Amino acid sequence: MKAFTLLFISLVTLASQAQAASPDAWASYNKAVVASCTKASKLKNVKPVGNPAQFDDKVGYTALLLHGRYPQAHMKNQPGTELCLYNKKSKSAVISEWDSVMPARSN
């Protein structure tokens, strides 16, 4: 009987730890991703495009598309797009230009 009770308590404890994160926890995490990504961006007036894309924990990254304007004089304030990969473990962001995913605008 003691073994059954101990097993039951162990299973209940494990099950309670496997619950999903609260909406507030996700909102806080998304806010941290946006802050880290916008800080790492080289664009001016940078804004997130949509919400962060959550990948499986096995991957360890969250992706966020950013849009802003190139600050370099030779770029003449052209719009630009960047892809940010946020490392969940290190809580750091890496940026790559991603203009090729945006359709060309016709005038």
PDB file of N, CA and C in Angstrom:
ATOM      1  N   MET A   1       0.822  -1.202   0.000  1.00  0.00           N
ATOM      2  CA  MET A   1       0.000   0.000   0.000  1.00  0.00           C
ATOM      3  C   MET A   1       0.862   1.260   0.000  1.00  0.00           C
ATOM      4  N   LYS A   2       1.967   1.217   0.768  1.00  0.00           N
ATOM      5  CA  LYS A   2       2.855   2.378   0.821  1.00  0.00           C
ATOM      6  C   LYS A   2       3.487   2.644  -0.547  1.00  0.00           C
ATOM      7  N   ALA A   3       3.838   1.585  -1.245  1.00  0.00           N
ATOM      8  CA  ALA A   3       4.442   1.739  -2.566  1.00  0.00           C
ATOM      9  C   ALA A   3       3.453   2.387  -3.532  1.00  0.00           C
ATOM     10  N   PHE A   4       2.194   1.975  -3.464  1.00  0.00           N
ATOM     11  CA  PHE A   4       1.168   2.551  -4.326  1.00  0.00           C
ATOM     12  C   PHE A   4       0.983   4.031  -4.022  1.00  0.00           C
ATOM     13  N   THR A   5       0.940   4.387  -2.749  1.00  0.00           N
ATOM     14  CA  THR A   5       0.769   5.787  -2.357  1.00  0.00           C
ATOM     15  C   THR A   5       1.948   6.624  -2.824  1.00  0.00           C
ATOM     16  N   LEU A   6       3.162   6.113  -2.654  1.00  0.00           N
ATOM     17  CA  LEU A   6       4.350   6.820  -3.098  1.00  0.00           C
ATOM     18  C   LEU A   6       4.356   7.001  -4.613  1.00  0.00           C
ATOM     19  N   LEU A   7       3.979   5.969  -5.342  1.00  0.00           N
ATOM     20  CA  LEU A   7       3.890   6.047  -6.797  1.00  0.00           C
ATOM     21  C   LEU A   7       2.846   7.074  -7.224  1.00  0.00           C
ATOM     22  N   PHE A   8       1.704   7.070  -6.576  1.00  0.00           N
ATOM     23  CA  PHE A   8       0.632   8.012  -6.899  1.00  0.00           C
ATOM     24  C   PHE A   8       1.092   9.456  -6.677  1.00  0.00           C
ATOM     25  N   ILE A   9       1.729   9.708  -5.546  1.00  0.00           N
ATOM     26  CA  ILE A   9       2.210  11.064  -5.240  1.00  0.00           C
ATOM     27  C   ILE A   9       3.264  11.498  -6.264  1.00  0.00           C
ATOM     28  N   SER A  10       4.134  10.597  -6.644  1.00  0.00           N
ATOM     29  CA  SER A  10       5.157  10.910  -7.645  1.00  0.00           C
ATOM     30  C   SER A  10       4.536  11.269  -8.986  1.00  0.00           C
ATOM     31  N   LEU A  11       3.543  10.498  -9.400  1.00  0.00           N
ATOM     32  CA  LEU A  11       2.885  10.766 -10.681  1.00  0.00           C
ATOM     33  C   LEU A  11       2.135  12.091 -10.669  1.00  0.00           C
ATOM     34  N   VAL A  12       1.476  12.396  -9.571  1.00  0.00           N
ATOM     35  CA  VAL A  12       0.754  13.668  -9.458  1.00  0.00           C
ATOM     36  C   VAL A  12       1.736  14.837  -9.512  1.00  0.00           C
ATOM     37  N   THR A  13       2.863  14.690  -8.850  1.00  0.00           N
ATOM     38  CA  THR A  13       3.883  15.747  -8.861  1.00  0.00           C
ATOM     39  C   THR A  13       4.422  15.968 -10.265  1.00  0.00           C
ATOM     40  N   LEU A  14       4.739  14.896 -10.971  1.00  0.00           N
ATOM     41  CA  LEU A  14       5.238  15.011 -12.342  1.00  0.00           C
ATOM     42  C   LEU A  14       4.198  15.611 -13.272  1.00  0.00           C
ATOM     43  N   ALA A  15       2.971  15.217 -13.126  1.00  0.00           N
ATOM     44  CA  ALA A  15       1.901  15.740 -13.986  1.00  0.00           C
ATOM     45  C   ALA A  15       1.692  17.228 -13.764  1.00  0.00           C
ATOM     46  N   SER A  16       1.812  17.684 -12.529  1.00  0.00           N
ATOM     47  CA  SER A  16       1.601  19.111 -12.261  1.00  0.00           C
ATOM     48  C   SER A  16       2.724  19.953 -12.847  1.00  0.00           C
ATOM     49  N   GLN A  17       3.934  19.378 -12.967  1.00  0.00           N
ATOM     50  CA  GLN A  17       5.052  20.108 -13.547  1.00  0.00           C
ATOM     51  C   GLN A  17       4.975  20.175 -15.062  1.00  0.00           C
ATOM     52  N   ALA A  18       4.192  19.335 -15.684  1.00  0.00           N
ATOM     53  CA  ALA A  18       4.110  19.277 -17.141  1.00  0.00           C
ATOM     54  C   ALA A  18       3.054  20.209 -17.716  1.00  0.00           C
ATOM     55  N   GLN A  19       2.427  21.004 -16.873  1.00  0.00           N
ATOM     56  CA  GLN A  19       1.394  21.910 -17.374  1.00  0.00           C
ATOM     57  C   GLN A  19       2.011  22.982 -18.258  1.00  0.00           C
ATOM     58  N   ALA A  20       1.219  23.485 -19.189  1.00  0.00           N
ATOM     59  CA  ALA A  20       1.682  24.522 -20.109  1.00  0.00           C
ATOM     60  C   ALA A  20       1.867  25.844 -19.371  1.00  0.00           C
ATOM     61  N   ALA A  21       2.682  26.705 -19.954  1.00  0.00           N
ATOM     62  CA  ALA A  21       2.919  28.024 -19.378  1.00  0.00           C
ATOM     63  C   ALA A  21       1.647  28.869 -19.455  1.00  0.00           C
ATOM     64  N   SER A  22       1.519  29.777 -18.514  1.00  0.00           N
ATOM     65  CA  SER A  22       0.346  30.642 -18.471  1.00  0.00           C
ATOM     66  C   SER A  22       0.406  31.679 -19.590  1.00  0.00           C
ATOM     67  N   PRO A  23      -0.735  32.263 -19.947  1.00  0.00           N
ATOM     68  CA  PRO A  23      -0.729  33.337 -20.953  1.00  0.00           C
ATOM     69  C   PRO A  23       0.175  34.508 -20.557  1.00  0.00           C
ATOM     70  N   ASP A  24       0.224  34.814 -19.257  1.00  0.00           N
ATOM     71  CA  ASP A  24       1.098  35.895 -18.794  1.00  0.00           C
ATOM     72  C   ASP A  24       2.570  35.553 -19.007  1.00  0.00           C
ATOM     73  N   ALA A  25       2.924  34.282 -18.791  1.00  0.00           N
ATOM     74  CA  ALA A  25       4.311  33.853 -18.998  1.00  0.00           C
ATOM     75  C   ALA A  25       4.687  33.955 -20.472  1.00  0.00           C
ATOM     76  N   TRP A  26       3.767  33.564 -21.364  1.00  0.00           N
ATOM     77  CA  TRP A  26       4.035  33.678 -22.806  1.00  0.00           C
ATOM     78  C   TRP A  26       4.161  35.139 -23.212  1.00  0.00           C
ATOM     79  N   ALA A  27       3.311  35.987 -22.688  1.00  0.00           N
ATOM     80  CA  ALA A  27       3.375  37.417 -23.024  1.00  0.00           C
ATOM     81  C   ALA A  27       4.708  38.012 -22.565  1.00  0.00           C
ATOM     82  N   SER A  28       5.155  37.622 -21.393  1.00  0.00           N
ATOM     83  CA  SER A  28       6.434  38.104 -20.878  1.00  0.00           C
ATOM     84  C   SER A  28       7.594  37.603 -21.730  1.00  0.00           C
ATOM     85  N   TYR A  29       7.535  36.331 -22.122  1.00  0.00           N
ATOM     86  CA  TYR A  29       8.580  35.756 -22.974  1.00  0.00           C
ATOM     87  C   TYR A  29       8.609  36.459 -24.332  1.00  0.00           C
ATOM     88  N   ASN A  30       7.444  36.645 -24.950  1.00  0.00           N
ATOM     89  CA  ASN A  30       7.374  37.325 -26.254  1.00  0.00           C
ATOM     90  C   ASN A  30       7.918  38.747 -26.164  1.00  0.00           C
ATOM     91  N   LYS A  31       7.633  39.418 -25.066  1.00  0.00           N
ATOM     92  CA  LYS A  31       8.133  40.780 -24.861  1.00  0.00           C
ATOM     93  C   LYS A  31       9.663  40.774 -24.796  1.00  0.00           C
ATOM     94  N   ALA A  32      10.239  39.779 -24.120  1.00  0.00           N
ATOM     95  CA  ALA A  32      11.696  39.659 -24.031  1.00  0.00           C
ATOM     96  C   ALA A  32      12.310  39.381 -25.401  1.00  0.00           C
ATOM     97  N   VAL A  33      11.646  38.539 -26.201  1.00  0.00           N
ATOM     98  CA  VAL A  33      12.129  38.233 -27.556  1.00  0.00           C
ATOM     99  C   VAL A  33      12.132  39.502 -28.409  1.00  0.00           C
ATOM    100  N   VAL A  34      11.035  40.231 -28.393  1.00  0.00           N
ATOM    101  CA  VAL A  34      10.932  41.463 -29.190  1.00  0.00           C
ATOM    102  C   VAL A  34      11.987  42.473 -28.740  1.00  0.00           C
ATOM    103  N   ALA A  35      12.160  42.631 -27.442  1.00  0.00           N
ATOM    104  CA  ALA A  35      13.151  43.592 -26.933  1.00  0.00           C
ATOM    105  C   ALA A  35      14.563  43.211 -27.354  1.00  0.00           C
ATOM    106  N   SER A  36      14.913  41.943 -27.226  1.00  0.00           N
ATOM    107  CA  SER A  36      16.251  41.484 -27.594  1.00  0.00           C
ATOM    108  C   SER A  36      16.488  41.607 -29.094  1.00  0.00           C
ATOM    109  N   CYS A  37      15.491  41.249 -29.883  1.00  0.00           N
ATOM    110  CA  CYS A  37      15.637  41.309 -31.339  1.00  0.00           C
ATOM    111  C   CYS A  37      15.726  42.741 -31.847  1.00  0.00           C
ATOM    112  N   THR A  38      14.894  43.628 -31.339  1.00  0.00           N
ATOM    113  CA  THR A  38      14.944  45.013 -31.804  1.00  0.00           C
ATOM    114  C   THR A  38      16.252  45.677 -31.380  1.00  0.00           C
ATOM    115  N   LYS A  39      16.784  45.300 -30.222  1.00  0.00           N
ATOM    116  CA  LYS A  39      18.067  45.844 -29.777  1.00  0.00           C
ATOM    117  C   LYS A  39      19.212  45.361 -30.685  1.00  0.00           C
ATOM    118  N   ALA A  40      19.141  44.124 -31.144  1.00  0.00           N
ATOM    119  CA  ALA A  40      20.195  43.559 -31.998  1.00  0.00           C
ATOM    120  C   ALA A  40      20.094  44.040 -33.449  1.00  0.00           C
ATOM    121  N   SER A  41      18.951  44.561 -33.834  1.00  0.00           N
ATOM    122  CA  SER A  41      18.729  44.979 -35.216  1.00  0.00           C
ATOM    123  C   SER A  41      19.611  46.158 -35.603  1.00  0.00           C
ATOM    124  N   LYS A  42      19.971  46.202 -36.875  1.00  0.00           N
ATOM    125  CA  LYS A  42      20.746  47.326 -37.424  1.00  0.00           C
ATOM    126  C   LYS A  42      19.835  48.337 -38.117  1.00  0.00           C
ATOM    127  N   LEU A  43      18.555  48.042 -38.195  1.00  0.00           N
ATOM    128  CA  LEU A  43      17.607  48.942 -38.850  1.00  0.00           C
ATOM    129  C   LEU A  43      17.177  50.051 -37.905  1.00  0.00           C
ATOM    130  N   LYS A  44      16.744  51.175 -38.468  1.00  0.00           N
ATOM    131  CA  LYS A  44      16.172  52.232 -37.634  1.00  0.00           C
ATOM    132  C   LYS A  44      14.650  52.138 -37.725  1.00  0.00           C
ATOM    133  N   ASN A  45      13.990  52.643 -36.719  1.00  0.00           N
ATOM    134  CA  ASN A  45      12.523  52.572 -36.620  1.00  0.00           C
ATOM    135  C   ASN A  45      12.040  51.124 -36.773  1.00  0.00           C
ATOM    136  N   VAL A  46      12.770  50.200 -36.187  1.00  0.00           N
ATOM    137  CA  VAL A  46      12.470  48.773 -36.354  1.00  0.00           C
ATOM    138  C   VAL A  46      11.238  48.371 -35.549  1.00  0.00           C
ATOM    139  N   LYS A  47      10.411  47.538 -36.177  1.00  0.00           N
ATOM    140  CA  LYS A  47       9.181  47.032 -35.557  1.00  0.00           C
ATOM    141  C   LYS A  47       9.050  45.551 -35.887  1.00  0.00           C
ATOM    142  N   PRO A  48       8.486  44.773 -34.961  1.00  0.00           N
ATOM    143  CA  PRO A  48       8.235  43.361 -35.282  1.00  0.00           C
ATOM    144  C   PRO A  48       7.115  43.227 -36.295  1.00  0.00           C
ATOM    145  N   VAL A  49       7.214  42.221 -37.151  1.00  0.00           N
ATOM    146  CA  VAL A  49       6.164  41.898 -38.117  1.00  0.00           C
ATOM    147  C   VAL A  49       5.447  40.668 -37.562  1.00  0.00           C
ATOM    148  N   GLY A  50       4.270  40.864 -37.035  1.00  0.00           N
ATOM    149  CA  GLY A  50       3.536  39.750 -36.434  1.00  0.00           C
ATOM    150  C   GLY A  50       4.108  39.353 -35.090  1.00  0.00           C
ATOM    151  N   ASN A  51       3.820  38.126 -34.688  1.00  0.00           N
ATOM    152  CA  ASN A  51       4.261  37.596 -33.407  1.00  0.00           C
ATOM    153  C   ASN A  51       5.451  36.659 -33.600  1.00  0.00           C
ATOM    154  N   PRO A  52       6.231  36.440 -32.540  1.00  0.00           N
ATOM    155  CA  PRO A  52       7.341  35.490 -32.642  1.00  0.00           C
ATOM    156  C   PRO A  52       6.837  34.088 -33.011  1.00  0.00           C
ATOM    157  N   ALA A  53       7.618  33.377 -33.796  1.00  0.00           N
ATOM    158  CA  ALA A  53       7.309  31.993 -34.180  1.00  0.00           C
ATOM    159  C   ALA A  53       8.023  31.065 -33.205  1.00  0.00           C
ATOM    160  N   GLN A  54       7.248  30.315 -32.455  1.00  0.00           N
ATOM    161  CA  GLN A  54       7.801  29.416 -31.444  1.00  0.00           C
ATOM    162  C   GLN A  54       8.153  28.074 -32.076  1.00  0.00           C
ATOM    163  N   PHE A  55       9.414  27.679 -31.956  1.00  0.00           N
ATOM    164  CA  PHE A  55       9.842  26.370 -32.421  1.00  0.00           C
ATOM    165  C   PHE A  55       9.879  25.412 -31.242  1.00  0.00           C
ATOM    166  N   ASP A  56       9.883  24.144 -31.546  1.00  0.00           N
ATOM    167  CA  ASP A  56       9.964  23.106 -30.531  1.00  0.00           C
ATOM    168  C   ASP A  56      11.189  23.334 -29.646  1.00  0.00           C
ATOM    169  N   ASP A  57      11.092  22.950 -28.382  1.00  0.00           N
ATOM    170  CA  ASP A  57      12.211  23.122 -27.463  1.00  0.00           C
ATOM    171  C   ASP A  57      13.466  22.388 -27.922  1.00  0.00           C
ATOM    172  N   LYS A  58      13.312  21.341 -28.714  1.00  0.00           N
ATOM    173  CA  LYS A  58      14.472  20.615 -29.242  1.00  0.00           C
ATOM    174  C   LYS A  58      15.314  21.526 -30.137  1.00  0.00           C
ATOM    175  N   VAL A  59      14.666  22.449 -30.830  1.00  0.00           N
ATOM    176  CA  VAL A  59      15.363  23.381 -31.710  1.00  0.00           C
ATOM    177  C   VAL A  59      16.050  24.464 -30.879  1.00  0.00           C
ATOM    178  N   GLY A  60      15.348  24.982 -29.894  1.00  0.00           N
ATOM    179  CA  GLY A  60      15.936  25.951 -28.983  1.00  0.00           C
ATOM    180  C   GLY A  60      15.886  27.396 -29.429  1.00  0.00           C
ATOM    181  N   TYR A  61      15.116  27.673 -30.478  1.00  0.00           N
ATOM    182  CA  TYR A  61      15.050  29.047 -30.989  1.00  0.00           C
ATOM    183  C   TYR A  61      13.609  29.514 -31.178  1.00  0.00           C
ATOM    184  N   THR A  62      13.470  30.824 -31.136  1.00  0.00           N
ATOM    185  CA  THR A  62      12.240  31.501 -31.515  1.00  0.00           C
ATOM    186  C   THR A  62      12.624  32.464 -32.629  1.00  0.00           C
ATOM    187  N   ALA A  63      11.791  32.564 -33.666  1.00  0.00           N
ATOM    188  CA  ALA A  63      12.089  33.445 -34.795  1.00  0.00           C
ATOM    189  C   ALA A  63      11.139  34.640 -34.792  1.00  0.00           C
ATOM    190  N   LEU A  64      11.656  35.769 -35.239  1.00  0.00           N
ATOM    191  CA  LEU A  64      10.846  36.984 -35.328  1.00  0.00           C
ATOM    192  C   LEU A  64      11.288  37.772 -36.552  1.00  0.00           C
ATOM    193  N   LEU A  65      10.332  38.172 -37.363  1.00  0.00           N
ATOM    194  CA  LEU A  65      10.608  38.999 -38.530  1.00  0.00           C
ATOM    195  C   LEU A  65      10.514  40.462 -38.105  1.00  0.00           C
ATOM    196  N   LEU A  66      11.475  41.258 -38.554  1.00  0.00           N
ATOM    197  CA  LEU A  66      11.533  42.676 -38.214  1.00  0.00           C
ATOM    198  C   LEU A  66      11.509  43.510 -39.488  1.00  0.00           C
ATOM    199  N   HIS A  67      10.950  44.700 -39.372  1.00  0.00           N
ATOM    200  CA  HIS A  67      10.913  45.609 -40.512  1.00  0.00           C
ATOM    201  C   HIS A  67      11.295  47.007 -40.030  1.00  0.00           C
ATOM    202  N   GLY A  68      12.083  47.691 -40.845  1.00  0.00           N
ATOM    203  CA  GLY A  68      12.502  49.050 -40.517  1.00  0.00           C
ATOM    204  C   GLY A  68      13.110  49.704 -41.742  1.00  0.00           C
ATOM    205  N   ARG A  69      14.030  50.623 -41.513  1.00  0.00           N
ATOM    206  CA  ARG A  69      14.685  51.345 -42.605  1.00  0.00           C
ATOM    207  C   ARG A  69      16.195  51.269 -42.411  1.00  0.00           C
ATOM    208  N   TYR A  70      16.904  51.114 -43.555  1.00  0.00           N
ATOM    209  CA  TYR A  70      18.359  51.065 -43.496  1.00  0.00           C
ATOM    210  C   TYR A  70      18.910  52.442 -43.147  1.00  0.00           C
ATOM    211  N   PRO A  71      19.789  52.530 -42.148  1.00  0.00           N
ATOM    212  CA  PRO A  71      20.304  53.835 -41.724  1.00  0.00           C
ATOM    213  C   PRO A  71      21.489  54.341 -42.552  1.00  0.00           C
ATOM    214  N   GLN A  72      22.121  53.460 -43.325  1.00  0.00           N
ATOM    215  CA  GLN A  72      23.300  53.875 -44.086  1.00  0.00           C
ATOM    216  C   GLN A  72      22.919  54.889 -45.169  1.00  0.00           C
ATOM    217  N   ALA A  73      23.782  55.878 -45.344  1.00  0.00           N
ATOM    218  CA  ALA A  73      23.507  56.948 -46.313  1.00  0.00           C
ATOM    219  C   ALA A  73      23.307  56.392 -47.719  1.00  0.00           C
ATOM    220  N   HIS A  74      24.124  55.415 -48.120  1.00  0.00           N
ATOM    221  CA  HIS A  74      24.013  54.879 -49.479  1.00  0.00           C
ATOM    222  C   HIS A  74      22.720  54.070 -49.688  1.00  0.00           C
ATOM    223  N   MET A  75      22.059  53.690 -48.616  1.00  0.00           N
ATOM    224  CA  MET A  75      20.795  52.944 -48.734  1.00  0.00           C
ATOM    225  C   MET A  75      19.593  53.880 -48.878  1.00  0.00           C
ATOM    226  N   LYS A  76      19.819  55.168 -48.649  1.00  0.00           N
ATOM    227  CA  LYS A  76      18.808  56.204 -48.869  1.00  0.00           C
ATOM    228  C   LYS A  76      17.476  55.914 -48.168  1.00  0.00           C
ATOM    229  N   ASN A  77      17.577  55.447 -46.924  1.00  0.00           N
ATOM    230  CA  ASN A  77      16.394  55.232 -46.088  1.00  0.00           C
ATOM    231  C   ASN A  77      15.430  54.169 -46.653  1.00  0.00           C
ATOM    232  N   GLN A  78      15.966  53.253 -47.447  1.00  0.00           N
ATOM    233  CA  GLN A  78      15.126  52.200 -48.025  1.00  0.00           C
ATOM    234  C   GLN A  78      14.586  51.286 -46.926  1.00  0.00           C
ATOM    235  N   PRO A  79      13.391  50.720 -47.135  1.00  0.00           N
ATOM    236  CA  PRO A  79      12.865  49.767 -46.155  1.00  0.00           C
ATOM    237  C   PRO A  79      13.688  48.479 -46.181  1.00  0.00           C
ATOM    238  N   GLY A  80      13.775  47.848 -45.030  1.00  0.00           N
ATOM    239  CA  GLY A  80      14.514  46.599 -44.924  1.00  0.00           C
ATOM    240  C   GLY A  80      13.825  45.618 -43.998  1.00  0.00           C
ATOM    241  N   THR A  81      14.125  44.357 -44.199  1.00  0.00           N
ATOM    242  CA  THR A  81      13.556  43.288 -43.386  1.00  0.00           C
ATOM    243  C   THR A  81      14.695  42.426 -42.853  1.00  0.00           C
ATOM    244  N   GLU A  82      14.583  42.033 -41.597  1.00  0.00           N
ATOM    245  CA  GLU A  82      15.566  41.170 -40.973  1.00  0.00           C
ATOM    246  C   GLU A  82      14.859  40.003 -40.294  1.00  0.00           C
ATOM    247  N   LEU A  83      15.563  38.886 -40.222  1.00  0.00           N
ATOM    248  CA  LEU A  83      15.080  37.737 -39.464  1.00  0.00           C
ATOM    249  C   LEU A  83      15.913  37.647 -38.203  1.00  0.00           C
ATOM    250  N   CYS A  84      15.236  37.559 -37.074  1.00  0.00           N
ATOM    251  CA  CYS A  84      15.904  37.424 -35.795  1.00  0.00           C
ATOM    252  C   CYS A  84      15.683  36.009 -35.272  1.00  0.00           C
ATOM    253  N   LEU A  85      16.758  35.365 -34.853  1.00  0.00           N
ATOM    254  CA  LEU A  85      16.671  34.078 -34.167  1.00  0.00           C
ATOM    255  C   LEU A  85      17.079  34.312 -32.725  1.00  0.00           C
ATOM    256  N   TYR A  86      16.161  34.017 -31.818  1.00  0.00           N
ATOM    257  CA  TYR A  86      16.372  34.216 -30.385  1.00  0.00           C
ATOM    258  C   TYR A  86      16.672  32.875 -29.743  1.00  0.00           C
ATOM    259  N   ASN A  87      17.847  32.754 -29.129  1.00  0.00           N
ATOM    260  CA  ASN A  87      18.261  31.531 -28.471  1.00  0.00           C
ATOM    261  C   ASN A  87      17.626  31.471 -27.086  1.00  0.00           C
ATOM    262  N   LYS A  88      16.801  30.451 -26.864  1.00  0.00           N
ATOM    263  CA  LYS A  88      16.073  30.334 -25.597  1.00  0.00           C
ATOM    264  C   LYS A  88      17.002  30.125 -24.403  1.00  0.00           C
ATOM    265  N   LYS A  89      18.091  29.383 -24.587  1.00  0.00           N
ATOM    266  CA  LYS A  89      18.992  29.104 -23.471  1.00  0.00           C
ATOM    267  C   LYS A  89      19.842  30.314 -23.104  1.00  0.00           C
ATOM    268  N   SER A  90      20.496  30.901 -24.103  1.00  0.00           N
ATOM    269  CA  SER A  90      21.404  32.020 -23.830  1.00  0.00           C
ATOM    270  C   SER A  90      20.674  33.357 -23.744  1.00  0.00           C
ATOM    271  N   LYS A  91      19.411  33.367 -24.162  1.00  0.00           N
ATOM    272  CA  LYS A  91      18.599  34.597 -24.179  1.00  0.00           C
ATOM    273  C   LYS A  91      19.288  35.691 -24.994  1.00  0.00           C
ATOM    274  N   SER A  92      19.799  35.282 -26.166  1.00  0.00           N
ATOM    275  CA  SER A  92      20.476  36.231 -27.050  1.00  0.00           C
ATOM    276  C   SER A  92      19.874  36.159 -28.449  1.00  0.00           C
ATOM    277  N   ALA A  93      20.009  37.248 -29.178  1.00  0.00           N
ATOM    278  CA  ALA A  93      19.428  37.359 -30.513  1.00  0.00           C
ATOM    279  C   ALA A  93      20.524  37.471 -31.567  1.00  0.00           C
ATOM    280  N   VAL A  94      20.269  36.841 -32.713  1.00  0.00           N
ATOM    281  CA  VAL A  94      21.152  36.934 -33.872  1.00  0.00           C
ATOM    282  C   VAL A  94      20.297  37.408 -35.045  1.00  0.00           C
ATOM    283  N   ILE A  95      20.820  38.348 -35.808  1.00  0.00           N
ATOM    284  CA  ILE A  95      20.071  38.989 -36.898  1.00  0.00           C
ATOM    285  C   ILE A  95      20.674  38.636 -38.252  1.00  0.00           C
ATOM    286  N   SER A  96      19.798  38.460 -39.253  1.00  0.00           N
ATOM    287  CA  SER A  96      20.229  38.274 -40.636  1.00  0.00           C
ATOM    288  C   SER A  96      19.307  39.092 -41.539  1.00  0.00           C
ATOM    289  N   GLU A  97      19.888  39.714 -42.569  1.00  0.00           N
ATOM    290  CA  GLU A  97      19.043  40.408 -43.549  1.00  0.00           C
ATOM    291  C   GLU A  97      18.097  39.389 -44.156  1.00  0.00           C
ATOM    292  N   TRP A  98      16.878  39.809 -44.431  1.00  0.00           N
ATOM    293  CA  TRP A  98      15.868  38.886 -44.935  1.00  0.00           C
ATOM    294  C   TRP A  98      14.971  39.582 -45.953  1.00  0.00           C
ATOM    295  N   ASP A  99      15.540  40.508 -46.703  1.00  0.00           N
ATOM    296  CA  ASP A  99      14.757  41.262 -47.690  1.00  0.00           C
ATOM    297  C   ASP A  99      14.166  40.371 -48.777  1.00  0.00           C
ATOM    298  N   SER A 100      14.789  39.246 -49.031  1.00  0.00           N
ATOM    299  CA  SER A 100      14.316  38.385 -50.127  1.00  0.00           C
ATOM    300  C   SER A 100      12.947  37.775 -49.873  1.00  0.00           C
ATOM    301  N   VAL A 101      12.472  37.774 -48.632  1.00  0.00           N
ATOM    302  CA  VAL A 101      11.156  37.171 -48.372  1.00  0.00           C
ATOM    303  C   VAL A 101      10.014  38.146 -48.588  1.00  0.00           C
ATOM    304  N   MET A 102      10.333  39.419 -48.717  1.00  0.00           N
ATOM    305  CA  MET A 102       9.292  40.416 -48.922  1.00  0.00           C
ATOM    306  C   MET A 102       9.076  40.610 -50.418  1.00  0.00           C
ATOM    307  N   PRO A 103       7.840  40.596 -50.868  1.00  0.00           N
ATOM    308  CA  PRO A 103       7.580  40.792 -52.302  1.00  0.00           C
ATOM    309  C   PRO A 103       7.968  42.203 -52.729  1.00  0.00           C
ATOM    310  N   ALA A 104       8.462  42.301 -53.952  1.00  0.00           N
ATOM    311  CA  ALA A 104       8.829  43.610 -54.493  1.00  0.00           C
ATOM    312  C   ALA A 104       7.588  44.448 -54.675  1.00  0.00           C
ATOM    313  N   ARG A 105       7.690  45.702 -54.335  1.00  0.00           N
ATOM    314  CA  ARG A 105       6.551  46.617 -54.484  1.00  0.00           C
ATOM    315  C   ARG A 105       6.602  47.247 -55.867  1.00  0.00           C
ATOM    316  N   SER A 106       5.492  47.194 -56.552  1.00  0.00           N
ATOM    317  CA  SER A 106       5.438  47.852 -57.863  1.00  0.00           C
ATOM    318  C   SER A 106       4.921  49.266 -57.695  1.00  0.00           C
ATOM    319  N   ASN A 107       5.466  50.181 -58.441  1.00  0.00           N
ATOM    320  CA  ASN A 107       5.058  51.589 -58.344  1.00  0.00           C
ATOM    321  C   ASN A 107       4.025  51.932 -59.358  1.00  0.00           C
TER     322      ASN A 107
END
